[in-house]
Structures are given as C-alpha cells and as structure tokens.
PDB file of N, CA and C in Angstrom:
ATOM      1  N   MET A   1      27.754 136.384 124.934  1.00  0.00           N
ATOM      2  CA  MET A   1      28.821 135.766 125.693  1.00  0.00           C
ATOM      3  C   MET A   1      29.399 134.587 124.927  1.00  0.00           C
ATOM      4  N   ASN A   2      30.675 134.461 124.981  1.00  0.00           N
ATOM      5  CA  ASN A   2      31.339 133.342 124.313  1.00  0.00           C
ATOM      6  C   ASN A   2      31.359 132.130 125.238  1.00  0.00           C
ATOM      7  N   SER A   3      30.867 131.028 124.733  1.00  0.00           N
ATOM      8  CA  SER A   3      30.941 129.809 125.541  1.00  0.00           C
ATOM      9  C   SER A   3      32.289 129.134 125.288  1.00  0.00           C
ATOM     10  N   PRO A   4      32.858 128.516 126.317  1.00  0.00           N
ATOM     11  CA  PRO A   4      34.171 127.891 126.125  1.00  0.00           C
ATOM     12  C   PRO A   4      34.075 126.709 125.165  1.00  0.00           C
ATOM     13  N   LYS A   5      35.129 126.562 124.350  1.00  0.00           N
ATOM     14  CA  LYS A   5      35.175 125.443 123.409  1.00  0.00           C
ATOM     15  C   LYS A   5      35.451 124.147 124.171  1.00  0.00           C
ATOM     16  N   PRO A   6      34.831 123.067 123.751  1.00  0.00           N
ATOM     17  CA  PRO A   6      35.132 121.791 124.407  1.00  0.00           C
ATOM     18  C   PRO A   6      36.575 121.376 124.107  1.00  0.00           C
ATOM     19  N   LEU A   7      37.163 120.733 125.064  1.00  0.00           N
ATOM     20  CA  LEU A   7      38.541 120.273 124.916  1.00  0.00           C
ATOM     21  C   LEU A   7      38.596 119.166 123.874  1.00  0.00           C
ATOM     22  N   ARG A   8      39.387 119.374 122.854  1.00  0.00           N
ATOM     23  CA  ARG A   8      39.506 118.373 121.793  1.00  0.00           C
ATOM     24  C   ARG A   8      40.927 117.822 121.801  1.00  0.00           C
ATOM     25  N   ILE A   9      41.015 116.518 121.786  1.00  0.00           N
ATOM     26  CA  ILE A   9      42.314 115.848 121.762  1.00  0.00           C
ATOM     27  C   ILE A   9      42.514 115.269 120.369  1.00  0.00           C
ATOM     28  N   HIS A  10      43.673 115.532 119.807  1.00  0.00           N
ATOM     29  CA  HIS A  10      43.981 115.022 118.486  1.00  0.00           C
ATOM     30  C   HIS A  10      44.050 113.494 118.514  1.00  0.00           C
ATOM     31  N   ARG A  11      43.600 112.873 117.449  1.00  0.00           N
ATOM     32  CA  ARG A  11      43.561 111.419 117.356  1.00  0.00           C
ATOM     33  C   ARG A  11      44.941 110.784 117.547  1.00  0.00           C
ATOM     34  N   ALA A  12      45.982 111.451 117.140  1.00  0.00           N
ATOM     35  CA  ALA A  12      47.343 110.911 117.276  1.00  0.00           C
ATOM     36  C   ALA A  12      47.724 110.727 118.744  1.00  0.00           C
ATOM     37  N   TRP A  13      47.243 111.621 119.619  1.00  0.00           N
ATOM     38  CA  TRP A  13      47.527 111.470 121.051  1.00  0.00           C
ATOM     39  C   TRP A  13      46.834 110.233 121.610  1.00  0.00           C
ATOM     40  N   LEU A  14      45.634 109.963 121.166  1.00  0.00           N
ATOM     41  CA  LEU A  14      44.930 108.762 121.620  1.00  0.00           C
ATOM     42  C   LEU A  14      45.658 107.500 121.163  1.00  0.00           C
ATOM     43  N   VAL A  15      46.150 107.508 119.929  1.00  0.00           N
ATOM     44  CA  VAL A  15      46.917 106.366 119.423  1.00  0.00           C
ATOM     45  C   VAL A  15      48.189 106.185 120.238  1.00  0.00           C
ATOM     46  N   ALA A  16      48.867 107.282 120.547  1.00  0.00           N
ATOM     47  CA  ALA A  16      50.090 107.203 121.336  1.00  0.00           C
ATOM     48  C   ALA A  16      49.825 106.665 122.743  1.00  0.00           C
ATOM     49  N   ILE A  17      48.749 107.086 123.355  1.00  0.00           N
ATOM     50  CA  ILE A  17      48.412 106.619 124.704  1.00  0.00           C
ATOM     51  C   ILE A  17      48.072 105.132 124.699  1.00  0.00           C
ATOM     52  N   VAL A  18      47.260 104.707 123.746  1.00  0.00           N
ATOM     53  CA  VAL A  18      46.874 103.290 123.664  1.00  0.00           C
ATOM     54  C   VAL A  18      48.105 102.422 123.376  1.00  0.00           C
ATOM     55  N   THR A  19      48.971 102.878 122.487  1.00  0.00           N
ATOM     56  CA  THR A  19      50.187 102.133 122.171  1.00  0.00           C
ATOM     57  C   THR A  19      51.089 102.016 123.388  1.00  0.00           C
ATOM     58  N   THR A  20      51.256 103.093 124.124  1.00  0.00           N
ATOM     59  CA  THR A  20      52.083 103.070 125.326  1.00  0.00           C
ATOM     60  C   THR A  20      51.514 102.100 126.356  1.00  0.00           C
ATOM     61  N   LEU A  21      50.219 102.142 126.568  1.00  0.00           N
ATOM     62  CA  LEU A  21      49.594 101.223 127.521  1.00  0.00           C
ATOM     63  C   LEU A  21      49.750  99.771 127.080  1.00  0.00           C
ATOM     64  N   ALA A  22      49.635  99.517 125.786  1.00  0.00           N
ATOM     65  CA  ALA A  22      49.808  98.153 125.287  1.00  0.00           C
ATOM     66  C   ALA A  22      51.242  97.672 125.492  1.00  0.00           C
ATOM     67  N   LEU A  23      52.216  98.534 125.248  1.00  0.00           N
ATOM     68  CA  LEU A  23      53.616  98.155 125.451  1.00  0.00           C
ATOM     69  C   LEU A  23      53.931  97.913 126.926  1.00  0.00           C
ATOM     70  N   VAL A  24      53.387  98.735 127.801  1.00  0.00           N
ATOM     71  CA  VAL A  24      53.603  98.548 129.239  1.00  0.00           C
ATOM     72  C   VAL A  24      52.954  97.245 129.708  1.00  0.00           C
ATOM     73  N   ALA A  25      51.748  96.972 129.232  1.00  0.00           N
ATOM     74  CA  ALA A  25      51.073  95.729 129.614  1.00  0.00           C
ATOM     75  C   ALA A  25      51.840  94.508 129.108  1.00  0.00           C
ATOM     76  N   THR A  26      52.352  94.584 127.897  1.00  0.00           N
ATOM     77  CA  THR A  26      53.130  93.480 127.341  1.00  0.00           C
ATOM     78  C   THR A  26      54.407  93.262 128.129  1.00  0.00           C
ATOM     79  N   ALA A  27      55.105  94.330 128.457  1.00  0.00           N
ATOM     80  CA  ALA A  27      56.336  94.204 129.239  1.00  0.00           C
ATOM     81  C   ALA A  27      56.050  93.638 130.625  1.00  0.00           C
ATOM     82  N   ALA A  28      54.955  94.051 131.233  1.00  0.00           N
ATOM     83  CA  ALA A  28      54.600  93.530 132.560  1.00  0.00           C
ATOM     84  C   ALA A  28      54.293  92.042 132.480  1.00  0.00           C
ATOM     85  N   PHE A  29      53.565  91.635 131.449  1.00  0.00           N
ATOM     86  CA  PHE A  29      53.235  90.225 131.296  1.00  0.00           C
ATOM     87  C   PHE A  29      54.489  89.389 131.063  1.00  0.00           C
ATOM     88  N   ARG A  30      55.390  89.882 130.240  1.00  0.00           N
ATOM     89  CA  ARG A  30      56.618  89.142 129.937  1.00  0.00           C
ATOM     90  C   ARG A  30      57.530  89.073 131.157  1.00  0.00           C
ATOM     91  N   SER A  31      57.426  90.013 132.060  1.00  0.00           N
ATOM     92  CA  SER A  31      58.280  90.033 133.251  1.00  0.00           C
ATOM     93  C   SER A  31      57.782  89.099 134.350  1.00  0.00           C
ATOM     94  N   THR A  32      56.580  88.590 134.233  1.00  0.00           N
ATOM     95  CA  THR A  32      56.027  87.753 135.289  1.00  0.00           C
ATOM     96  C   THR A  32      56.293  86.268 135.095  1.00  0.00           C
ATOM     97  N   THR A  33      57.062  85.899 134.084  1.00  0.00           N
ATOM     98  CA  THR A  33      57.286  84.475 133.825  1.00  0.00           C
ATOM     99  C   THR A  33      57.946  83.780 135.006  1.00  0.00           C
ATOM    100  N   GLY A  34      58.825  84.464 135.711  1.00  0.00           N
ATOM    101  CA  GLY A  34      59.490  83.863 136.866  1.00  0.00           C
ATOM    102  C   GLY A  34      58.525  83.485 137.974  1.00  0.00           C
ATOM    103  N   ALA A  35      57.448  84.216 138.100  1.00  0.00           N
ATOM    104  CA  ALA A  35      56.461  83.915 139.141  1.00  0.00           C
ATOM    105  C   ALA A  35      55.693  82.632 138.851  1.00  0.00           C
ATOM    106  N   PHE A  36      55.680  82.213 137.595  1.00  0.00           N
ATOM    107  CA  PHE A  36      54.935  81.018 137.219  1.00  0.00           C
ATOM    108  C   PHE A  36      55.788  79.752 137.180  1.00  0.00           C
ATOM    109  N   PHE A  37      57.076  79.869 137.447  1.00  0.00           N
ATOM    110  CA  PHE A  37      57.954  78.697 137.356  1.00  0.00           C
ATOM    111  C   PHE A  37      57.533  77.599 138.335  1.00  0.00           C
ATOM    112  N   GLU A  38      57.348  77.960 139.572  1.00  0.00           N
ATOM    113  CA  GLU A  38      57.017  76.945 140.580  1.00  0.00           C
ATOM    114  C   GLU A  38      55.685  76.253 140.306  1.00  0.00           C
ATOM    115  N   PRO A  39      54.617  76.983 139.984  1.00  0.00           N
ATOM    116  CA  PRO A  39      53.366  76.288 139.651  1.00  0.00           C
ATOM    117  C   PRO A  39      53.487  75.394 138.416  1.00  0.00           C
ATOM    118  N   LEU A  40      54.227  75.833 137.414  1.00  0.00           N
ATOM    119  CA  LEU A  40      54.403  75.007 136.221  1.00  0.00           C
ATOM    120  C   LEU A  40      55.213  73.755 136.525  1.00  0.00           C
ATOM    121  N   GLU A  41      56.225  73.905 137.377  1.00  0.00           N
ATOM    122  CA  GLU A  41      57.028  72.745 137.778  1.00  0.00           C
ATOM    123  C   GLU A  41      56.169  71.708 138.493  1.00  0.00           C
ATOM    124  N   SER A  42      55.367  72.158 139.434  1.00  0.00           N
ATOM    125  CA  SER A  42      54.578  71.206 140.224  1.00  0.00           C
ATOM    126  C   SER A  42      53.403  70.634 139.429  1.00  0.00           C
ATOM    127  N   GLU A  43      52.794  71.426 138.571  1.00  0.00           N
ATOM    128  CA  GLU A  43      51.616  70.965 137.830  1.00  0.00           C
ATOM    129  C   GLU A  43      51.980  69.983 136.716  1.00  0.00           C
ATOM    130  N   PHE A  44      53.024  70.302 135.946  1.00  0.00           N
ATOM    131  CA  PHE A  44      53.345  69.495 134.771  1.00  0.00           C
ATOM    132  C   PHE A  44      54.592  68.637 134.939  1.00  0.00           C
ATOM    133  N   GLY A  45      55.326  68.823 136.042  1.00  0.00           N
ATOM    134  CA  GLY A  45      56.530  68.041 136.268  1.00  0.00           C
ATOM    135  C   GLY A  45      57.706  68.471 135.413  1.00  0.00           C
ATOM    136  N   TRP A  46      57.655  69.691 134.890  1.00  0.00           N
ATOM    137  CA  TRP A  46      58.750  70.183 134.064  1.00  0.00           C
ATOM    138  C   TRP A  46      59.906  70.617 134.953  1.00  0.00           C
ATOM    139  N   LEU A  47      61.099  70.535 134.423  1.00  0.00           N
ATOM    140  CA  LEU A  47      62.286  70.985 135.143  1.00  0.00           C
ATOM    141  C   LEU A  47      62.459  72.487 134.971  1.00  0.00           C
ATOM    142  N   ARG A  48      63.125  73.080 135.943  1.00  0.00           N
ATOM    143  CA  ARG A  48      63.374  74.521 135.869  1.00  0.00           C
ATOM    144  C   ARG A  48      64.246  74.854 134.660  1.00  0.00           C
ATOM    145  N   SER A  49      65.182  73.965 134.331  1.00  0.00           N
ATOM    146  CA  SER A  49      66.046  74.202 133.170  1.00  0.00           C
ATOM    147  C   SER A  49      65.238  74.196 131.870  1.00  0.00           C
ATOM    148  N   GLN A  50      64.221  73.348 131.784  1.00  0.00           N
ATOM    149  CA  GLN A  50      63.366  73.334 130.594  1.00  0.00           C
ATOM    150  C   GLN A  50      62.560  74.628 130.483  1.00  0.00           C
ATOM    151  N   LEU A  51      62.030  75.077 131.592  1.00  0.00           N
ATOM    152  CA  LEU A  51      61.282  76.334 131.585  1.00  0.00           C
ATOM    153  C   LEU A  51      62.185  77.519 131.245  1.00  0.00           C
ATOM    154  N   SER A  52      63.377  77.519 131.813  1.00  0.00           N
ATOM    155  CA  SER A  52      64.315  78.607 131.546  1.00  0.00           C
ATOM    156  C   SER A  52      64.728  78.630 130.079  1.00  0.00           C
ATOM    157  N   THR A  53      64.930  77.449 129.513  1.00  0.00           N
ATOM    158  CA  THR A  53      65.282  77.381 128.093  1.00  0.00           C
ATOM    159  C   THR A  53      64.147  77.912 127.232  1.00  0.00           C
ATOM    160  N   ALA A  54      62.918  77.542 127.549  1.00  0.00           N
ATOM    161  CA  ALA A  54      61.771  78.021 126.781  1.00  0.00           C
ATOM    162  C   ALA A  54      61.641  79.541 126.871  1.00  0.00           C
ATOM    163  N   VAL A  55      61.823  80.093 128.061  1.00  0.00           N
ATOM    164  CA  VAL A  55      61.725  81.550 128.233  1.00  0.00           C
ATOM    165  C   VAL A  55      62.868  82.251 127.498  1.00  0.00           C
ATOM    166  N   THR A  56      64.064  81.665 127.547  1.00  0.00           N
ATOM    167  CA  THR A  56      65.212  82.249 126.860  1.00  0.00           C
ATOM    168  C   THR A  56      64.984  82.280 125.348  1.00  0.00           C
ATOM    169  N   ILE A  57      64.491  81.181 124.800  1.00  0.00           N
ATOM    170  CA  ILE A  57      64.204  81.146 123.368  1.00  0.00           C
ATOM    171  C   ILE A  57      63.123  82.155 123.014  1.00  0.00           C
ATOM    172  N   ASN A  58      62.096  82.232 123.850  1.00  0.00           N
ATOM    173  CA  ASN A  58      61.011  83.180 123.613  1.00  0.00           C
ATOM    174  C   ASN A  58      61.522  84.614 123.599  1.00  0.00           C
ATOM    175  N   LEU A  59      62.333  84.969 124.568  1.00  0.00           N
ATOM    176  CA  LEU A  59      62.858  86.339 124.626  1.00  0.00           C
ATOM    177  C   LEU A  59      63.822  86.612 123.468  1.00  0.00           C
ATOM    178  N   GLY A  60      64.585  85.588 123.071  1.00  0.00           N
ATOM    179  CA  GLY A  60      65.496  85.758 121.937  1.00  0.00           C
ATOM    180  C   GLY A  60      64.746  86.014 120.641  1.00  0.00           C
ATOM    181  N   VAL A  61      63.697  85.223 120.404  1.00  0.00           N
ATOM    182  CA  VAL A  61      62.880  85.425 119.201  1.00  0.00           C
ATOM    183  C   VAL A  61      62.190  86.781 119.250  1.00  0.00           C
ATOM    184  N   TYR A  62      61.697  87.146 120.421  1.00  0.00           N
ATOM    185  CA  TYR A  62      61.053  88.457 120.588  1.00  0.00           C
ATOM    186  C   TYR A  62      62.043  89.583 120.283  1.00  0.00           C
ATOM    187  N   GLY A  63      63.264  89.453 120.775  1.00  0.00           N
ATOM    188  CA  GLY A  63      64.285  90.470 120.526  1.00  0.00           C
ATOM    189  C   GLY A  63      64.677  90.555 119.057  1.00  0.00           C
ATOM    190  N   LEU A  64      64.801  89.399 118.395  1.00  0.00           N
ATOM    191  CA  LEU A  64      65.138  89.403 116.977  1.00  0.00           C
ATOM    192  C   LEU A  64      63.996  89.999 116.144  1.00  0.00           C
ATOM    193  N   GLU A  65      62.789  89.685 116.518  1.00  0.00           N
ATOM    194  CA  GLU A  65      61.646  90.235 115.794  1.00  0.00           C
ATOM    195  C   GLU A  65      61.546  91.739 115.994  1.00  0.00           C
ATOM    196  N   TRP A  66      61.883  92.209 117.175  1.00  0.00           N
ATOM    197  CA  TRP A  66      61.810  93.643 117.466  1.00  0.00           C
ATOM    198  C   TRP A  66      62.769  94.426 116.593  1.00  0.00           C
ATOM    199  N   THR A  67      63.943  93.860 116.284  1.00  0.00           N
ATOM    200  CA  THR A  67      64.935  94.581 115.481  1.00  0.00           C
ATOM    201  C   THR A  67      64.521  94.695 114.028  1.00  0.00           C
ATOM    202  N   ARG A  68      63.582  93.878 113.584  1.00  0.00           N
ATOM    203  CA  ARG A  68      63.104  93.962 112.199  1.00  0.00           C
ATOM    204  C   ARG A  68      62.227  95.168 111.958  1.00  0.00           C
ATOM    205  N   ARG A  69      61.755  95.786 112.980  1.00  0.00           N
ATOM    206  CA  ARG A  69      60.810  96.907 112.798  1.00  0.00           C
ATOM    207  C   ARG A  69      61.528  98.167 112.523  1.00  0.00           C
TER     208      ARG A  69
END
C-alpha cells in the first residue's frame, strides 16, 4: 500500500507569508498614531500641532525611503 506523502510547502511560500504578516503589522502600527495623541499631549504637554508635524515628517521619510526600493 502506498502511504500518502506529507504535505510539503516550498520555502518561498513561507517567506511570502512572513513578509506579508510583517507588512500588515507595520501598517497597523503606523495607523495607530492618532490613538496616542491624547495620552502624549497629557503626559508630556506637547501640542497637537507638534505631534502632527512629527507624524507627517515620519510618514514623508517613510514614503521617500519606500520609493528607493
């Protein structure tokens, strides 16, 4: 009798899955900055405009770096 072969997944699929999960986690983390504005304002006394400027610069640098790839 022939025994069934174990299911083998190519290494490239594992790399693709891990990469996708990392990108989704990164995007989720970057999208939560708005939720932290109020705690940062009250804890450190920063203005909303200062926080918004920092996030804008961060996203701009991230976008410019992404185009280099």
